[in-house]
Amino acid sequence: MQLEWMVSLSRIEELSRKGNFLLARTQVQPLLSLPVPSAAEASRLGFILQSCGDVNQAMNFFFRAMTLEPKKAIHAFNYAVVCRNAGHIDEAEKFLNQSIALKPDDGEAYYIRSTLRKQSPENDHIDELCRLFSSSYQTPQNKIYYGFALAKEYEDLEDYDQSFAFLQLGAKLKRSSFHYDVDVDIAAMKKIARTFSDIPSRNKPPAQDARQPIFVVGLPRSGSTLIEQILSMHTQVVSMGELEVFSQEIQTMISRSHQRPLSKGLMIDEAANLNMSELGTRYLEAVFARKAVEQRFVDKMPLNFLNIGLIMQALPQASVICIQRDAMDNCYAIFKTLFEMGYPFSYNQSELGRYYRAYQKLMAHWQKKFPHRIHTVTYEQLVESTEEEVRAMLDFCGLPWEQNCLDFQRNSSAVYTASASQVRQPIYSSSVGRWRHYQKQLEELSVSIGY
């Protein structure tokens, strides 16, 4: 029986890895009522269920792993993270503390704990984090975590000089840990604009199928998760999160005729010559393999702004919403975020500013090219005139008004981005103009943007 259980679990994991979450979710159900052989298998089930969107069941199995091996920090950590994603912030903090007690050198646990809530003079972790950061026994990766955690906690306490000092240290360490050339990305964005300059601009045709995407694009930390949470409160909309599906399908189609990796420039040339109808069909099929969708769905992968020229051709019934934010607020919010993956331009002020300028030029190109297909939402306007902006957004998507959309903080959907804690709060304006606390320290960024 145990061998059969293990074989079934491995098969389901493979389905999950391939993005076939719908079938994985179906096949995993018989295992849920059977005894779990060990804590390791309970964790594997937890990850499968989390990837399939069943957060509550995932929590159950991560908790079961803890009970089977209570002295292993990884189980407390996994349970805490899924609690954070589900919006159970107090529970997340409690078990991150437990994870840290079991494994005091886990820098990531300290960092996530610092991001869960606003710290106060009566309740913070600064002394502990400073001691860890200054220790000569810490790995560079842990110092990155402690640096970003200290930046967050000092900012909460309004000690802006100390906050930025640790942010700068953490960002410098992070940037030194990988190779990246921002000029390659800037050149790619310029080439995208040139390559997709002759696409005819057409109005969106009538939908033949209600299951059409709403792409939310922009830069990270611009408010895309807020838009996603607002839209997915609508009864005719479901959120799919940050999907890499569109880019993956482009790469899959190109790889059929090119076995070796191509430069970004050649990838753009090849993408422009793809069969757009097939690309659209493959994208929708891959999305529907993840989840049973009977209505509009939100794909909030921010970097799909690079793919708008292809989206307009492959998915003519799609809606595209671009979220914009004050340049310095947006870039400072990016700079102070330690991303789990991606966004290599984030950790150097000059590179960040140059990437931002290239992004703005490309978005201006798309907005001029497709004025009736892209709806731009300004974060500051959304904060100031929430209902008016939400009404305009729903109208653009062809959706009727629903009051529920204003109660986005009650959205029970799991959030896996850097905004996991913030989106559980009512809309707030405290982040508008926050960069001005660091006006002097962010001078390089300001010059790079041309602010």
Protein backbone atom coordinates (compact mmCIF):
# COMPACT_ATOMS: atom_id res chain seq x y z
CA MET A 1 0.00 0.00 0.00
CA GLN A 2 2.83 2.42 0.88
CA LEU A 3 4.61 1.75 -2.44
CA GLU A 4 1.39 2.36 -4.36
CA TRP A 5 0.85 5.59 -2.38
CA MET A 6 4.37 6.80 -3.21
CA VAL A 7 4.00 5.99 -6.91
CA SER A 8 0.70 7.89 -7.05
CA LEU A 9 2.24 10.89 -5.28
CA SER A 10 5.17 11.00 -7.72
CA ARG A 11 2.79 10.88 -10.69
CA ILE A 12 0.72 13.73 -9.24
CA GLU A 13 3.85 15.80 -8.58
CA GLU A 14 4.78 15.43 -12.24
CA LEU A 15 1.34 16.67 -13.29
CA SER A 16 1.77 19.63 -10.97
CA ARG A 17 5.23 20.43 -12.35
CA LYS A 18 3.77 20.49 -15.86
CA GLY A 19 1.04 22.91 -14.77
CA ASN A 20 -1.79 20.39 -15.13
CA PHE A 21 -3.22 21.34 -11.75
CA LEU A 22 -6.80 20.40 -12.64
CA LEU A 23 -5.90 16.76 -13.21
CA ALA A 24 -3.47 16.80 -10.26
CA ARG A 25 -6.22 18.09 -7.99
CA THR A 26 -8.53 15.28 -9.10
CA GLN A 27 -5.95 12.53 -8.68
CA VAL A 28 -4.72 13.72 -5.30
CA GLN A 29 -8.16 13.47 -3.67
CA PRO A 30 -8.04 9.69 -2.88
CA LEU A 31 -4.70 10.18 -1.06
CA LEU A 32 -6.09 12.78 1.32
CA SER A 33 -8.06 10.29 3.38
CA LEU A 34 -5.25 7.73 3.62
CA PRO A 35 -2.59 7.61 6.35
CA VAL A 36 0.48 9.65 5.42
CA PRO A 37 3.66 7.52 5.58
CA SER A 38 5.92 10.29 6.91
CA ALA A 39 6.38 14.01 7.49
CA ALA A 40 8.26 14.31 4.18
CA GLU A 41 5.28 12.90 2.26
CA ALA A 42 2.90 15.17 4.19
CA SER A 43 4.99 18.13 3.03
CA ARG A 44 4.98 16.89 -0.56
CA LEU A 45 1.21 16.71 -0.41
CA GLY A 46 1.12 20.20 1.06
CA PHE A 47 3.12 21.63 -1.86
CA ILE A 48 0.94 19.85 -4.43
CA LEU A 49 -2.25 21.15 -2.81
CA GLN A 50 -0.82 24.65 -2.56
CA SER A 51 0.12 24.67 -6.24
CA CYS A 52 -3.39 23.43 -7.07
CA GLY A 53 -4.89 26.35 -5.15
CA ASP A 54 -6.28 24.34 -2.23
CA VAL A 55 -4.62 26.43 0.47
CA ASN A 56 -6.71 25.16 3.39
CA GLN A 57 -5.87 21.53 2.65
CA ALA A 58 -2.23 22.51 2.13
CA MET A 59 -2.23 24.07 5.60
CA ASN A 60 -3.62 20.82 7.02
CA PHE A 61 -0.81 18.72 5.56
CA PHE A 62 1.97 21.13 6.47
CA PHE A 63 0.57 21.11 10.00
CA ARG A 64 0.51 17.31 9.93
CA ALA A 65 4.18 17.31 8.92
CA MET A 66 4.91 19.46 12.00
CA THR A 67 3.13 17.05 14.30
CA LEU A 68 5.04 14.09 12.83
CA GLU A 69 8.44 15.81 13.13
CA PRO A 70 8.00 18.66 15.60
CA LYS A 71 11.71 19.39 15.92
CA LYS A 72 12.29 20.05 12.20
CA ALA A 73 12.24 23.76 11.46
CA ILE A 74 11.35 23.34 7.79
CA HIS A 75 7.86 22.09 8.66
CA ALA A 76 7.10 25.09 10.88
CA PHE A 77 8.49 27.34 8.13
CA ASN A 78 6.34 25.80 5.39
CA TYR A 79 3.23 26.02 7.55
CA ALA A 80 3.96 29.66 8.41
CA VAL A 81 4.44 30.65 4.77
CA VAL A 82 1.18 29.09 3.63
CA CYS A 83 -0.57 30.82 6.55
CA ARG A 84 0.92 34.13 5.38
CA ASN A 85 -0.28 33.51 1.83
CA ALA A 86 -3.77 32.72 3.11
CA GLY A 87 -3.88 35.90 5.21
CA HIS A 88 -3.52 34.26 8.66
CA ILE A 89 -0.83 36.71 9.74
CA ASP A 90 -0.80 36.03 13.51
CA GLU A 91 -0.55 32.29 12.90
CA ALA A 92 2.26 32.88 10.40
CA GLU A 93 4.23 34.95 12.89
CA LYS A 94 3.77 32.38 15.65
CA PHE A 95 5.20 29.55 13.56
CA LEU A 96 7.99 31.62 12.03
CA ASN A 97 9.08 32.23 15.62
CA GLN A 98 8.94 28.48 16.17
CA SER A 99 10.95 27.86 12.99
CA ILE A 100 13.58 30.39 14.08
CA ALA A 101 13.82 28.80 17.53
CA LEU A 102 14.52 25.43 15.88
CA LYS A 103 16.89 26.84 13.25
CA PRO A 104 18.39 30.16 14.39
CA ASP A 105 20.45 30.62 11.22
CA ASP A 106 17.54 30.63 8.76
CA GLY A 107 17.74 34.18 7.40
CA GLU A 108 14.68 33.83 5.20
CA ALA A 109 12.45 33.12 8.21
CA TYR A 110 13.62 36.33 9.91
CA TYR A 111 13.00 38.34 6.74
CA ILE A 112 9.48 37.03 6.15
CA ARG A 113 8.63 37.60 9.82
CA SER A 114 9.65 41.26 9.52
CA THR A 115 7.36 41.75 6.53
CA LEU A 116 4.23 40.37 8.19
CA ARG A 117 3.21 43.51 10.07
CA LYS A 118 4.25 47.03 10.92
CA GLN A 119 6.79 46.88 13.72
CA SER A 120 6.54 49.12 16.80
CA PRO A 121 9.04 50.35 19.43
CA GLU A 122 7.41 47.95 21.90
CA ASN A 123 7.50 44.98 19.56
CA ASP A 124 10.29 44.68 17.01
CA HIS A 125 13.29 42.46 16.23
CA ILE A 126 15.96 45.10 15.58
CA ASP A 127 18.44 44.15 18.33
CA GLU A 128 18.29 40.50 17.33
CA LEU A 129 18.68 41.29 13.62
CA CYS A 130 21.58 43.71 14.22
CA ARG A 131 23.41 41.07 16.23
CA LEU A 132 22.91 38.53 13.45
CA PHE A 133 23.91 40.96 10.69
CA SER A 134 27.17 41.87 12.44
CA SER A 135 28.12 38.25 13.11
CA SER A 136 31.17 37.07 11.16
CA TYR A 137 29.67 33.57 10.94
CA GLN A 138 26.76 34.54 8.68
CA THR A 139 26.62 33.55 5.00
CA PRO A 140 26.27 36.32 2.38
CA GLN A 141 22.74 35.08 1.64
CA ASN A 142 21.72 35.41 5.29
CA LYS A 143 23.22 38.90 5.44
CA ILE A 144 21.00 39.83 2.49
CA TYR A 145 17.94 38.63 4.40
CA TYR A 146 18.96 40.45 7.60
CA GLY A 147 19.78 43.66 5.71
CA PHE A 148 16.37 43.81 4.04
CA ALA A 149 14.62 42.84 7.29
CA LEU A 150 16.39 45.63 9.19
CA ALA A 151 15.54 48.13 6.44
CA LYS A 152 11.87 47.19 6.78
CA GLU A 153 11.79 47.35 10.58
CA TYR A 154 13.72 50.64 10.85
CA GLU A 155 11.36 52.19 8.31
CA ASP A 156 8.39 51.06 10.40
CA LEU A 157 9.99 52.87 13.35
CA GLU A 158 10.60 55.96 11.16
CA ASP A 159 14.38 55.76 11.56
CA TYR A 160 14.90 56.44 7.87
CA ASP A 161 18.68 56.89 7.90
CA GLN A 162 19.25 53.51 9.51
CA SER A 163 16.63 51.94 7.30
CA PHE A 164 18.33 53.07 4.11
CA ALA A 165 21.81 52.19 5.38
CA PHE A 166 20.79 48.55 5.82
CA LEU A 167 18.80 48.57 2.59
CA GLN A 168 21.85 49.73 0.69
CA LEU A 169 24.00 47.03 2.29
CA GLY A 170 21.45 44.31 1.53
CA ALA A 171 20.90 45.47 -2.05
CA LYS A 172 24.65 45.66 -2.74
CA LEU A 173 25.15 42.12 -1.45
CA LYS A 174 22.22 40.85 -3.49
CA ARG A 175 23.40 42.57 -6.68
CA SER A 176 26.87 41.07 -6.29
CA SER A 177 25.40 37.55 -6.17
CA PHE A 178 24.43 37.29 -9.87
CA HIS A 179 25.43 38.47 -13.35
CA TYR A 180 23.07 40.88 -15.13
CA ASP A 181 23.39 43.44 -17.92
CA VAL A 182 20.54 45.96 -17.96
CA ASP A 183 21.61 47.09 -21.45
CA VAL A 184 20.44 43.73 -22.83
CA ASP A 185 16.94 44.28 -21.42
CA ILE A 186 16.82 47.88 -22.62
CA ALA A 187 17.86 46.82 -26.13
CA ALA A 188 15.21 44.08 -26.08
CA MET A 189 12.46 46.59 -25.20
CA LYS A 190 13.55 48.89 -28.02
CA LYS A 191 13.52 45.96 -30.45
CA ILE A 192 10.06 44.86 -29.28
CA ALA A 193 8.69 48.34 -30.06
CA ARG A 194 10.28 48.30 -33.54
CA THR A 195 9.22 44.75 -34.31
CA PHE A 196 5.60 45.25 -33.32
CA SER A 197 5.12 48.71 -34.80
CA ASP A 198 3.03 47.65 -37.80
CA ILE A 199 0.33 45.60 -36.06
CA PRO A 200 -3.10 46.92 -37.07
CA SER A 201 -4.98 48.47 -34.15
CA ARG A 202 -8.46 46.96 -33.99
CA ASN A 203 -11.28 47.25 -31.48
CA LYS A 204 -11.91 44.20 -29.35
CA PRO A 205 -14.32 41.81 -31.16
CA PRO A 206 -17.42 40.44 -29.37
CA ALA A 207 -16.52 37.57 -27.06
CA GLN A 208 -17.55 34.11 -28.28
CA ASP A 209 -16.48 32.55 -24.98
CA ALA A 210 -16.85 34.12 -21.52
CA ARG A 211 -13.53 32.60 -20.44
CA GLN A 212 -11.31 35.45 -21.60
CA PRO A 213 -8.24 36.86 -19.86
CA ILE A 214 -7.80 40.19 -18.15
CA PHE A 215 -4.07 40.86 -18.18
CA VAL A 216 -2.82 43.17 -15.42
CA VAL A 217 0.59 44.49 -16.42
CA GLY A 218 3.14 46.99 -15.16
CA LEU A 219 6.16 46.90 -12.93
CA PRO A 220 6.26 45.03 -9.62
CA ARG A 221 5.18 46.99 -6.53
CA SER A 222 2.98 49.28 -8.64
CA GLY A 223 -0.36 48.03 -7.33
CA SER A 224 -1.01 45.04 -9.59
CA THR A 225 -1.95 42.75 -6.68
CA LEU A 226 -4.45 45.37 -5.48
CA ILE A 227 -6.03 45.45 -8.96
CA GLU A 228 -6.14 41.65 -9.00
CA GLN A 229 -7.84 41.50 -5.59
CA ILE A 230 -10.42 44.12 -6.62
CA LEU A 231 -11.29 42.38 -9.88
CA SER A 232 -11.45 38.90 -8.40
CA MET A 233 -14.07 40.03 -5.87
CA HIS A 234 -16.42 40.28 -8.86
CA THR A 235 -18.73 37.29 -9.25
CA GLN A 236 -17.83 36.96 -12.94
CA VAL A 237 -14.05 36.99 -12.44
CA VAL A 238 -11.56 34.51 -11.03
CA SER A 239 -7.89 35.17 -10.30
CA MET A 240 -5.20 32.89 -11.67
CA GLY A 241 -2.31 34.77 -10.04
CA GLU A 242 1.02 35.53 -11.73
CA LEU A 243 1.06 33.12 -14.66
CA GLU A 244 4.19 32.52 -16.68
CA VAL A 245 2.08 30.61 -19.18
CA PHE A 246 2.07 33.11 -22.06
CA SER A 247 5.87 33.43 -22.13
CA GLN A 248 6.25 29.67 -21.68
CA GLU A 249 4.03 28.95 -24.68
CA ILE A 250 6.04 31.40 -26.79
CA GLN A 251 9.25 29.60 -25.83
CA THR A 252 7.72 26.16 -26.43
CA MET A 253 6.57 27.09 -29.92
CA ILE A 254 9.94 28.63 -30.83
CA SER A 255 11.86 25.62 -29.46
CA ARG A 256 10.18 23.34 -32.01
CA SER A 257 12.46 24.77 -34.70
CA HIS A 258 15.39 25.90 -32.52
CA GLN A 259 17.00 23.36 -30.23
CA ARG A 260 19.60 25.76 -28.83
CA PRO A 261 18.82 28.82 -26.68
CA LEU A 262 18.44 32.03 -28.68
CA SER A 263 19.47 35.56 -27.80
CA LYS A 264 16.68 37.90 -26.72
CA GLY A 265 16.86 39.69 -30.06
CA LEU A 266 16.41 36.47 -32.05
CA MET A 267 13.62 35.34 -29.70
CA ILE A 268 11.73 38.56 -30.49
CA ASP A 269 12.15 37.98 -34.25
CA GLU A 270 10.94 34.40 -33.95
CA ALA A 271 8.01 35.34 -31.69
CA ALA A 272 6.77 37.87 -34.23
CA ASN A 273 6.47 35.10 -36.85
CA LEU A 274 4.55 32.61 -34.71
CA ASN A 275 1.08 31.40 -35.64
CA MET A 276 -0.89 33.79 -33.43
CA SER A 277 -4.09 31.76 -33.43
CA GLU A 278 -2.18 28.69 -32.24
CA LEU A 279 -0.39 30.76 -29.56
CA GLY A 280 -3.72 32.03 -28.22
CA THR A 281 -5.23 28.54 -28.22
CA ARG A 282 -2.21 27.01 -26.47
CA TYR A 283 -2.28 29.74 -23.82
CA LEU A 284 -5.97 29.21 -23.04
CA GLU A 285 -5.61 25.43 -22.97
CA ALA A 286 -2.66 25.71 -20.56
CA VAL A 287 -4.64 28.07 -18.30
CA PHE A 288 -7.71 25.82 -18.30
CA ALA A 289 -5.52 22.83 -17.40
CA ARG A 290 -4.65 24.66 -14.18
CA LYS A 291 -8.15 25.40 -12.97
CA ALA A 292 -11.79 24.91 -14.03
CA VAL A 293 -12.65 28.34 -15.43
CA GLU A 294 -16.18 29.29 -16.48
CA GLN A 295 -15.74 33.07 -16.53
CA ARG A 296 -13.27 35.92 -17.03
CA PHE A 297 -9.91 35.35 -15.37
CA VAL A 298 -7.09 37.62 -14.23
CA ASP A 299 -3.50 36.94 -15.28
CA LYS A 300 -1.42 39.42 -13.30
CA MET A 301 2.09 38.61 -14.44
CA PRO A 302 3.52 42.18 -14.47
CA LEU A 303 6.17 41.48 -17.10
CA ASN A 304 3.52 40.60 -19.69
CA PHE A 305 3.92 44.26 -20.67
CA LEU A 306 6.71 42.86 -22.85
CA ASN A 307 4.21 40.61 -24.64
CA ILE A 308 1.39 43.06 -25.39
CA GLY A 309 2.09 43.06 -29.13
CA LEU A 310 1.65 39.28 -29.17
CA ILE A 311 -1.31 39.30 -26.78
CA MET A 312 -3.24 41.69 -29.01
CA GLN A 313 -2.87 39.31 -31.96
CA ALA A 314 -3.12 35.93 -30.21
CA LEU A 315 -5.98 36.86 -27.85
CA PRO A 316 -8.05 39.57 -29.58
CA GLN A 317 -10.78 39.39 -26.93
CA ALA A 318 -8.41 39.91 -24.01
CA SER A 319 -8.50 43.02 -21.83
CA VAL A 320 -5.23 44.64 -20.75
CA ILE A 321 -5.05 46.84 -17.65
CA CYS A 322 -1.81 48.72 -17.00
CA ILE A 323 -1.20 49.96 -13.46
CA GLN A 324 1.03 53.03 -13.22
CA ARG A 325 2.46 54.65 -10.11
CA ASP A 326 4.59 57.71 -9.34
CA ALA A 327 8.03 56.88 -10.74
CA MET A 328 9.99 57.43 -7.53
CA ASP A 329 7.43 55.74 -5.29
CA ASN A 330 7.31 52.74 -7.61
CA CYS A 331 11.08 52.45 -8.00
CA TYR A 332 11.76 52.91 -4.29
CA ALA A 333 9.18 50.21 -3.52
CA ILE A 334 10.97 47.90 -5.97
CA PHE A 335 14.41 48.76 -4.57
CA LYS A 336 13.40 47.91 -1.00
CA THR A 337 11.84 44.55 -1.91
CA LEU A 338 13.80 41.33 -1.77
CA PHE A 339 12.14 39.35 -4.53
CA GLU A 340 12.00 35.58 -4.35
CA MET A 341 13.04 35.40 -8.00
CA GLY A 342 13.31 37.59 -11.09
CA TYR A 343 13.61 41.37 -11.42
CA PRO A 344 17.44 41.52 -11.45
CA PHE A 345 17.32 45.25 -12.25
CA SER A 346 15.95 45.93 -8.77
CA TYR A 347 19.08 46.10 -6.64
CA ASN A 348 21.06 48.96 -8.18
CA GLN A 349 19.66 52.49 -8.38
CA SER A 350 21.13 53.35 -11.77
CA GLU A 351 20.06 50.06 -13.37
CA LEU A 352 16.59 50.36 -11.85
CA GLY A 353 16.14 53.89 -13.18
CA ARG A 354 17.32 52.98 -16.66
CA TYR A 355 15.03 49.92 -16.77
CA TYR A 356 12.13 52.07 -15.61
CA ARG A 357 12.70 54.60 -18.40
CA ALA A 358 12.78 51.84 -21.02
CA TYR A 359 9.60 50.34 -19.57
CA GLN A 360 7.81 53.69 -19.75
CA LYS A 361 8.82 54.15 -23.39
CA LEU A 362 7.57 50.69 -24.32
CA MET A 363 4.26 51.20 -22.48
CA ALA A 364 3.81 54.58 -24.18
CA HIS A 365 4.33 52.76 -27.50
CA TRP A 366 1.64 50.20 -26.67
CA GLN A 367 -0.80 52.81 -25.36
CA LYS A 368 -0.42 54.85 -28.54
CA LYS A 369 -0.73 51.74 -30.71
CA PHE A 370 -3.73 50.23 -28.91
CA PRO A 371 -5.60 53.16 -27.27
CA HIS A 372 -8.89 51.23 -27.06
CA ARG A 373 -7.43 47.93 -25.93
CA ILE A 374 -5.38 49.09 -22.91
CA HIS A 375 -6.89 50.72 -19.84
CA THR A 376 -4.44 52.60 -17.63
CA VAL A 377 -5.07 52.88 -13.89
CA THR A 378 -3.02 55.33 -11.83
CA TYR A 379 -2.32 54.04 -8.33
CA GLU A 380 -2.65 57.49 -6.75
CA GLN A 381 -6.04 58.03 -8.40
CA LEU A 382 -7.17 54.58 -7.30
CA VAL A 383 -6.32 55.50 -3.70
CA GLU A 384 -8.00 58.90 -3.91
CA SER A 385 -11.13 58.00 -5.92
CA THR A 386 -11.48 54.26 -5.44
CA GLU A 387 -15.07 53.73 -6.53
CA GLU A 388 -14.76 55.93 -9.61
CA GLU A 389 -11.62 54.12 -10.75
CA VAL A 390 -13.07 50.67 -10.05
CA ARG A 391 -16.22 51.52 -12.01
CA ALA A 392 -14.11 52.64 -14.99
CA MET A 393 -12.04 49.47 -14.79
CA LEU A 394 -15.09 47.19 -14.72
CA ASP A 395 -16.70 49.12 -17.55
CA PHE A 396 -13.56 48.68 -19.67
CA CYS A 397 -13.69 44.91 -19.02
CA GLY A 398 -17.40 44.79 -19.95
CA LEU A 399 -18.38 43.81 -16.41
CA PRO A 400 -21.39 45.15 -14.49
CA TRP A 401 -20.84 47.11 -11.29
CA GLU A 402 -20.66 45.09 -8.08
CA GLN A 403 -20.23 46.70 -4.67
CA ASN A 404 -18.18 43.71 -3.52
CA CYS A 405 -15.23 44.97 -5.53
CA LEU A 406 -14.71 47.74 -2.97
CA ASP A 407 -14.30 45.17 -0.19
CA PHE A 408 -11.16 43.65 -1.69
CA GLN A 409 -9.47 43.28 1.71
CA ARG A 410 -12.03 40.52 2.45
CA ASN A 411 -10.83 38.54 -0.56
CA SER A 412 -9.95 35.06 0.68
CA SER A 413 -7.76 34.17 -2.31
CA ALA A 414 -4.21 33.19 -1.49
CA VAL A 415 -1.55 35.77 -2.41
CA TYR A 416 1.96 34.63 -3.27
CA THR A 417 3.62 37.96 -4.06
CA ALA A 418 5.49 40.52 -1.97
CA SER A 419 2.11 42.14 -1.26
CA ALA A 420 0.77 39.12 0.64
CA SER A 421 0.37 41.04 3.92
CA GLN A 422 -0.59 44.51 2.59
CA VAL A 423 -3.56 43.41 0.47
CA ARG A 424 -5.37 42.16 3.57
CA GLN A 425 -5.77 45.80 4.67
CA PRO A 426 -8.25 48.44 3.44
CA ILE A 427 -6.87 50.78 0.79
CA TYR A 428 -4.43 53.28 2.28
CA SER A 429 -2.46 56.33 1.13
CA SER A 430 0.55 56.09 3.45
CA SER A 431 2.75 54.67 0.68
CA VAL A 432 2.13 57.70 -1.56
CA GLY A 433 5.23 59.91 -1.43
CA ARG A 434 7.10 57.58 0.89
CA TRP A 435 10.27 57.87 -1.19
CA ARG A 436 10.65 61.49 -0.02
CA HIS A 437 11.95 60.23 3.34
CA TYR A 438 15.01 59.15 1.34
CA GLN A 439 15.26 62.02 -1.13
CA LYS A 440 18.99 62.47 -0.58
CA GLN A 441 19.85 58.75 -0.57
CA LEU A 442 17.83 58.15 -3.75
CA GLU A 443 19.49 60.90 -5.77
CA GLU A 444 21.18 58.41 -8.09
CA LEU A 445 17.81 56.79 -8.81
CA SER A 446 16.14 60.16 -9.36
CA VAL A 447 18.82 61.23 -11.85
CA SER A 448 18.65 57.89 -13.64
CA ILE A 449 14.87 58.17 -14.06
CA GLY A 450 15.03 61.85 -14.98
CA TYR A 451 12.55 62.65 -12.23
